[in-house]
C-alpha atoms as a PDB file:
ATOM      1  CA  UNK A   1      53.673 -74.429  89.101  1.00  0.00           C
ATOM      2  CA  UNK A   2      51.953 -77.543  87.789  1.00  0.00           C
ATOM      3  CA  UNK A   3      48.320 -78.078  88.827  1.00  0.00           C
ATOM      4  CA  UNK A   4      48.832 -81.028  91.176  1.00  0.00           C
ATOM      5  CA  UNK A   5      47.243 -81.905  94.467  1.00  0.00           C
ATOM      6  CA  UNK A   6      47.602 -84.651  97.026  1.00  0.00           C
ATOM      7  CA  UNK A   7      45.030 -86.651  98.949  1.00  0.00           C
ATOM      8  CA  UNK A   8      45.580 -89.135 101.748  1.00  0.00           C
ATOM      9  CA  UNK A   9      44.256 -92.591 100.879  1.00  0.00           C
ATOM     10  CA  UNK A  10      41.724 -93.620 103.504  1.00  0.00           C
ATOM     11  CA  UNK A  11      39.195 -95.626 101.487  1.00  0.00           C
ATOM     12  CA  UNK A  12      40.639 -97.612  98.572  1.00  0.00           C
ATOM     13  CA  UNK A  13      38.443 -98.090  95.524  1.00  0.00           C
ATOM     14  CA  UNK A  14      38.502-100.480  92.583  1.00  0.00           C
ATOM     15  CA  UNK A  15      39.805 -97.667  90.341  1.00  0.00           C
ATOM     16  CA  UNK A  16      42.662 -96.853  92.725  1.00  0.00           C
ATOM     17  CA  UNK A  17      43.601-100.529  93.046  1.00  0.00           C
ATOM     18  CA  UNK A  18      43.553-100.839  89.243  1.00  0.00           C
ATOM     19  CA  UNK A  19      45.932 -97.861  88.881  1.00  0.00           C
ATOM     20  CA  UNK A  20      48.310 -99.289  91.503  1.00  0.00           C
ATOM     21  CA  UNK A  21      48.221-102.666  89.705  1.00  0.00           C
ATOM     22  CA  UNK A  22      48.941-101.028  86.342  1.00  0.00           C
ATOM     23  CA  UNK A  23      51.946 -99.132  87.768  1.00  0.00           C
ATOM     24  CA  UNK A  24      53.231-102.188  89.637  1.00  0.00           C
ATOM     25  CA  UNK A  25      53.306-104.143  86.355  1.00  0.00           C
ATOM     26  CA  UNK A  26      54.429-101.350  84.005  1.00  0.00           C
ATOM     27  CA  UNK A  27      57.614-102.596  82.298  1.00  0.00           C
ATOM     28  CA  UNK A  28      58.924 -99.026  82.051  1.00  0.00           C
ATOM     29  CA  UNK A  29      58.953 -98.426  85.817  1.00  0.00           C
ATOM     30  CA  UNK A  30      58.494-101.615  87.820  1.00  0.00           C
ATOM     31  CA  UNK A  31      62.231-102.250  88.028  1.00  0.00           C
ATOM     32  CA  UNK A  32      62.553 -98.820  89.697  1.00  0.00           C
ATOM     33  CA  UNK A  33      59.921 -99.359  92.358  1.00  0.00           C
ATOM     34  CA  UNK A  34      60.421-102.882  93.663  1.00  0.00           C
ATOM     35  CA  UNK A  35      63.386-105.106  94.308  1.00  0.00           C
ATOM     36  CA  UNK A  36      63.787-108.261  92.283  1.00  0.00           C
ATOM     37  CA  UNK A  37      65.991-111.247  93.087  1.00  0.00           C
ATOM     38  CA  UNK A  38      66.136-112.485  89.490  1.00  0.00           C
ATOM     39  CA  UNK A  39      64.550-112.242  86.049  1.00  0.00           C
ATOM     40  CA  UNK A  40      61.541-114.322  87.149  1.00  0.00           C
ATOM     41  CA  UNK A  41      60.767-111.755  89.883  1.00  0.00           C
ATOM     42  CA  UNK A  42      61.158-108.952  87.367  1.00  0.00           C
ATOM     43  CA  UNK A  43      58.795-110.696  84.913  1.00  0.00           C
ATOM     44  CA  UNK A  44      56.186-111.603  87.545  1.00  0.00           C
ATOM     45  CA  UNK A  45      52.869-109.778  87.631  1.00  0.00           C
ATOM     46  CA  UNK A  46      51.356-108.488  90.834  1.00  0.00           C
ATOM     47  CA  UNK A  47      47.768-107.535  91.528  1.00  0.00           C
ATOM     48  CA  UNK A  48      46.967-104.806  94.024  1.00  0.00           C
ATOM     49  CA  UNK A  49      43.503-105.288  95.510  1.00  0.00           C
ATOM     50  CA  UNK A  50      41.259-103.167  97.660  1.00  0.00           C
ATOM     51  CA  UNK A  51      41.905-105.619 100.501  1.00  0.00           C
ATOM     52  CA  UNK A  52      45.691-105.339 100.146  1.00  0.00           C
ATOM     53  CA  UNK A  53      45.452-101.533 100.130  1.00  0.00           C
ATOM     54  CA  UNK A  54      43.213-101.585 103.218  1.00  0.00           C
ATOM     55  CA  UNK A  55      45.829-103.723 104.950  1.00  0.00           C
ATOM     56  CA  UNK A  56      48.664-101.479 103.772  1.00  0.00           C
ATOM     57  CA  UNK A  57      47.107 -98.259 105.091  1.00  0.00           C
ATOM     58  CA  UNK A  58      46.997 -99.798 108.566  1.00  0.00           C
ATOM     59  CA  UNK A  59      50.761 -99.207 108.873  1.00  0.00           C
ATOM     60  CA  UNK A  60      51.570 -96.860 105.984  1.00  0.00           C
ATOM     61  CA  UNK A  61      50.403 -93.315 105.249  1.00  0.00           C
ATOM     62  CA  UNK A  62      49.647 -93.292 101.508  1.00  0.00           C
ATOM     63  CA  UNK A  63      49.017 -90.108  99.546  1.00  0.00           C
ATOM     64  CA  UNK A  64      47.587 -90.073  96.037  1.00  0.00           C
ATOM     65  CA  UNK A  65      49.084 -87.662  93.507  1.00  0.00           C
ATOM     66  CA  UNK A  66      46.678 -85.993  91.081  1.00  0.00           C
ATOM     67  CA  UNK A  67      47.472 -83.905  87.998  1.00  0.00           C
ATOM     68  CA  UNK A  68      44.455 -82.001  86.635  1.00  0.00           C
ATOM     69  CA  UNK A  69      42.160 -84.354  88.591  1.00  0.00           C
ATOM     70  CA  UNK A  70      43.793 -87.495  87.109  1.00  0.00           C
ATOM     71  CA  UNK A  71      45.474 -89.961  89.465  1.00  0.00           C
ATOM     72  CA  UNK A  72      49.101 -90.109  88.290  1.00  0.00           C
ATOM     73  CA  UNK A  73      51.042 -91.542  91.219  1.00  0.00           C
ATOM     74  CA  UNK A  74      51.376 -92.265  94.885  1.00  0.00           C
ATOM     75  CA  UNK A  75      53.762 -91.649  97.741  1.00  0.00           C
ATOM     76  CA  UNK A  76      53.928 -93.042 101.221  1.00  0.00           C
ATOM     77  CA  UNK A  77      55.751 -93.223 104.503  1.00  0.00           C
ATOM     78  CA  UNK A  78      56.068 -95.700 107.332  1.00  0.00           C
ATOM     79  CA  UNK A  79      57.305 -94.915 110.828  1.00  0.00           C
ATOM     80  CA  UNK A  80      60.234 -96.983 112.148  1.00  0.00           C
ATOM     81  CA  UNK A  81      59.861 -99.976 109.806  1.00  0.00           C
ATOM     82  CA  UNK A  82      62.333-102.872 110.226  1.00  0.00           C
ATOM     83  CA  UNK A  83      63.953-102.172 106.842  1.00  0.00           C
ATOM     84  CA  UNK A  84      65.742 -99.017 108.042  1.00  0.00           C
ATOM     85  CA  UNK A  85      69.521 -99.155 107.618  1.00  0.00           C
ATOM     86  CA  UNK A  86      69.870 -96.864 110.654  1.00  0.00           C
ATOM     87  CA  UNK A  87      67.092 -97.916 113.045  1.00  0.00           C
ATOM     88  CA  UNK A  88      66.735 -94.575 114.821  1.00  0.00           C
ATOM     89  CA  UNK A  89      63.468 -93.953 116.655  1.00  0.00           C
ATOM     90  CA  UNK A  90      60.941 -91.665 115.001  1.00  0.00           C
ATOM     91  CA  UNK A  91      62.263 -92.166 111.472  1.00  0.00           C
ATOM     92  CA  UNK A  92      60.105 -92.191 108.368  1.00  0.00           C
ATOM     93  CA  UNK A  93      60.758 -94.516 105.415  1.00  0.00           C
ATOM     94  CA  UNK A  94      59.435 -93.004 102.190  1.00  0.00           C
ATOM     95  CA  UNK A  95      58.618 -94.033  98.637  1.00  0.00           C
ATOM     96  CA  UNK A  96      57.285 -92.160  95.611  1.00  0.00           C
ATOM     97  CA  UNK A  97      55.924 -93.523  92.325  1.00  0.00           C
ATOM     98  CA  UNK A  98      54.933 -91.349  89.390  1.00  0.00           C
ATOM     99  CA  UNK A  99      52.960 -94.041  87.620  1.00  0.00           C
ATOM    100  CA  UNK A 100      51.612 -92.279  84.542  1.00  0.00           C
ATOM    101  CA  UNK A 101      54.114 -91.772  81.716  1.00  0.00           C
ATOM    102  CA  UNK A 102      52.932 -88.282  80.736  1.00  0.00           C
ATOM    103  CA  UNK A 103      53.524 -87.015  84.275  1.00  0.00           C
ATOM    104  CA  UNK A 104      57.204 -87.929  84.479  1.00  0.00           C
ATOM    105  CA  UNK A 105      59.972 -85.390  84.029  1.00  0.00           C
ATOM    106  CA  UNK A 106      57.804 -82.394  84.941  1.00  0.00           C
ATOM    107  CA  UNK A 107      59.020 -81.737  88.483  1.00  0.00           C
ATOM    108  CA  UNK A 108      56.071 -83.516  90.074  1.00  0.00           C
ATOM    109  CA  UNK A 109      58.371 -85.805  92.060  1.00  0.00           C
ATOM    110  CA  UNK A 110      60.048 -82.758  93.594  1.00  0.00           C
ATOM    111  CA  UNK A 111      56.699 -81.222  94.586  1.00  0.00           C
ATOM    112  CA  UNK A 112      55.485 -84.568  95.913  1.00  0.00           C
ATOM    113  CA  UNK A 113      58.632 -85.010  97.995  1.00  0.00           C
ATOM    114  CA  UNK A 114      58.266 -81.511  99.472  1.00  0.00           C
ATOM    115  CA  UNK A 115      54.657 -82.272 100.413  1.00  0.00           C
ATOM    116  CA  UNK A 116      55.572 -85.648 101.918  1.00  0.00           C
ATOM    117  CA  UNK A 117      58.369 -84.074 103.987  1.00  0.00           C
ATOM    118  CA  UNK A 118      55.873 -81.516 105.278  1.00  0.00           C
ATOM    119  CA  UNK A 119      53.408 -84.259 106.305  1.00  0.00           C
ATOM    120  CA  UNK A 120      56.191 -86.166 108.069  1.00  0.00           C
ATOM    121  CA  UNK A 121      57.346 -83.058 109.937  1.00  0.00           C
ATOM    122  CA  UNK A 122      53.741 -82.400 111.010  1.00  0.00           C
ATOM    123  CA  UNK A 123      53.790 -85.837 112.680  1.00  0.00           C
ATOM    124  CA  UNK A 124      56.790 -84.715 114.752  1.00  0.00           C
ATOM    125  CA  UNK A 125      59.240 -86.943 112.924  1.00  0.00           C
ATOM    126  CA  UNK A 126      62.655 -85.427 112.264  1.00  0.00           C
ATOM    127  CA  UNK A 127      64.471 -88.062 110.179  1.00  0.00           C
ATOM    128  CA  UNK A 128      63.677 -89.591 106.775  1.00  0.00           C
ATOM    129  CA  UNK A 129      65.399 -92.595 105.232  1.00  0.00           C
ATOM    130  CA  UNK A 130      64.923 -94.008 101.750  1.00  0.00           C
ATOM    131  CA  UNK A 131      66.445 -96.468  99.337  1.00  0.00           C
ATOM    132  CA  UNK A 132      67.199 -95.770  95.693  1.00  0.00           C
ATOM    133  CA  UNK A 133      68.627 -98.347  93.303  1.00  0.00           C
ATOM    134  CA  UNK A 134      72.080 -97.343  92.076  1.00  0.00           C
ATOM    135  CA  UNK A 135      70.980 -97.306  88.419  1.00  0.00           C
ATOM    136  CA  UNK A 136      68.215 -94.766  89.136  1.00  0.00           C
ATOM    137  CA  UNK A 137      70.340 -91.655  88.724  1.00  0.00           C
ATOM    138  CA  UNK A 138      67.428 -89.218  88.182  1.00  0.00           C
ATOM    139  CA  UNK A 139      65.911 -90.178  91.554  1.00  0.00           C
ATOM    140  CA  UNK A 140      69.318 -90.086  93.274  1.00  0.00           C
ATOM    141  CA  UNK A 141      69.907 -86.572  91.865  1.00  0.00           C
ATOM    142  CA  UNK A 142      66.473 -85.398  93.062  1.00  0.00           C
ATOM    143  CA  UNK A 143      67.057 -86.676  96.583  1.00  0.00           C
ATOM    144  CA  UNK A 144      70.544 -85.128  96.726  1.00  0.00           C
ATOM    145  CA  UNK A 145      69.126 -81.805  95.479  1.00  0.00           C
ATOM    146  CA  UNK A 146      66.559 -81.881  98.297  1.00  0.00           C
ATOM    147  CA  UNK A 147      69.233 -82.424 100.960  1.00  0.00           C
ATOM    148  CA  UNK A 148      69.405 -86.211 101.312  1.00  0.00           C
ATOM    149  CA  UNK A 149      72.843 -87.763 101.661  1.00  0.00           C
ATOM    150  CA  UNK A 150      74.090 -91.308 101.306  1.00  0.00           C
ATOM    151  CA  UNK A 151      74.479 -93.284 104.530  1.00  0.00           C
ATOM    152  CA  UNK A 152      75.294 -96.700 103.076  1.00  0.00           C
ATOM    153  CA  UNK A 153      74.768 -99.256 100.353  1.00  0.00           C
ATOM    154  CA  UNK A 154      73.345-102.739 100.358  1.00  0.00           C
ATOM    155  CA  UNK A 155      75.212-104.560  97.600  1.00  0.00           C
ATOM    156  CA  UNK A 156      73.580-107.109  95.278  1.00  0.00           C
ATOM    157  CA  UNK A 157      70.146-105.906  96.319  1.00  0.00           C
ATOM    158  CA  UNK A 158      68.072-105.921  93.123  1.00  0.00           C
ATOM    159  CA  UNK A 159      68.206-107.590  89.710  1.00  0.00           C
ATOM    160  CA  UNK A 160      67.957-105.612  86.465  1.00  0.00           C
ATOM    161  CA  UNK A 161      69.502-105.852  82.999  1.00  0.00           C
ATOM    162  CA  UNK A 162      71.161-109.191  83.712  1.00  0.00           C
ATOM    163  CA  UNK A 163      72.928-108.304  86.940  1.00  0.00           C
ATOM    164  CA  UNK A 164      72.531-107.350  90.580  1.00  0.00           C
ATOM    165  CA  UNK A 165      72.648-103.715  91.706  1.00  0.00           C
ATOM    166  CA  UNK A 166      73.079-101.980  95.060  1.00  0.00           C
ATOM    167  CA  UNK A 167      70.409-100.166  97.031  1.00  0.00           C
ATOM    168  CA  UNK A 168      71.734 -96.749  98.058  1.00  0.00           C
ATOM    169  CA  UNK A 169      70.352 -95.682 101.420  1.00  0.00           C
ATOM    170  CA  UNK A 170      69.946 -91.949 102.006  1.00  0.00           C
ATOM    171  CA  UNK A 171      68.740 -89.861 104.909  1.00  0.00           C
ATOM    172  CA  UNK A 172      67.645 -86.327 105.658  1.00  0.00           C
ATOM    173  CA  UNK A 173      67.085 -84.629 108.984  1.00  0.00           C
ATOM    174  CA  UNK A 174      64.163 -82.212 109.049  1.00  0.00           C
END
């Protein structure tokens, strides 16, 4: 097992905001983590600030992912957000970002997802929904392996490589 641990974000710092900003603008992963309407959206830079993180944690549980004491990613969930495809009460919407290149492909996403599911279950929630872009086959395979199944697709959802792609919505009951 890889030496990782998780910590709930309660007090954002400049260093944490800088890591989130770096990941948000990383050309190798930003197309995986956010939807883009066109090339201009894809090329745009975003800055994550302490203030924006403070605002975000008011409605989103954010957990930091550490590998050997280095911050390498983040994961989060919201309860009953309006973006759910199936707006069932007491549903969690999740996201995971492994931001640091050296941490990808090591099974950390799987461990992070297991931890996040455990935190969600502890809150008494029994359903999780997520969206994964159709070109992100590694993430789709991970979610399927962990028991998520497709419940629908939103066509022409995000722009990448000169065309629009669908957002595959998946769910899991805990």
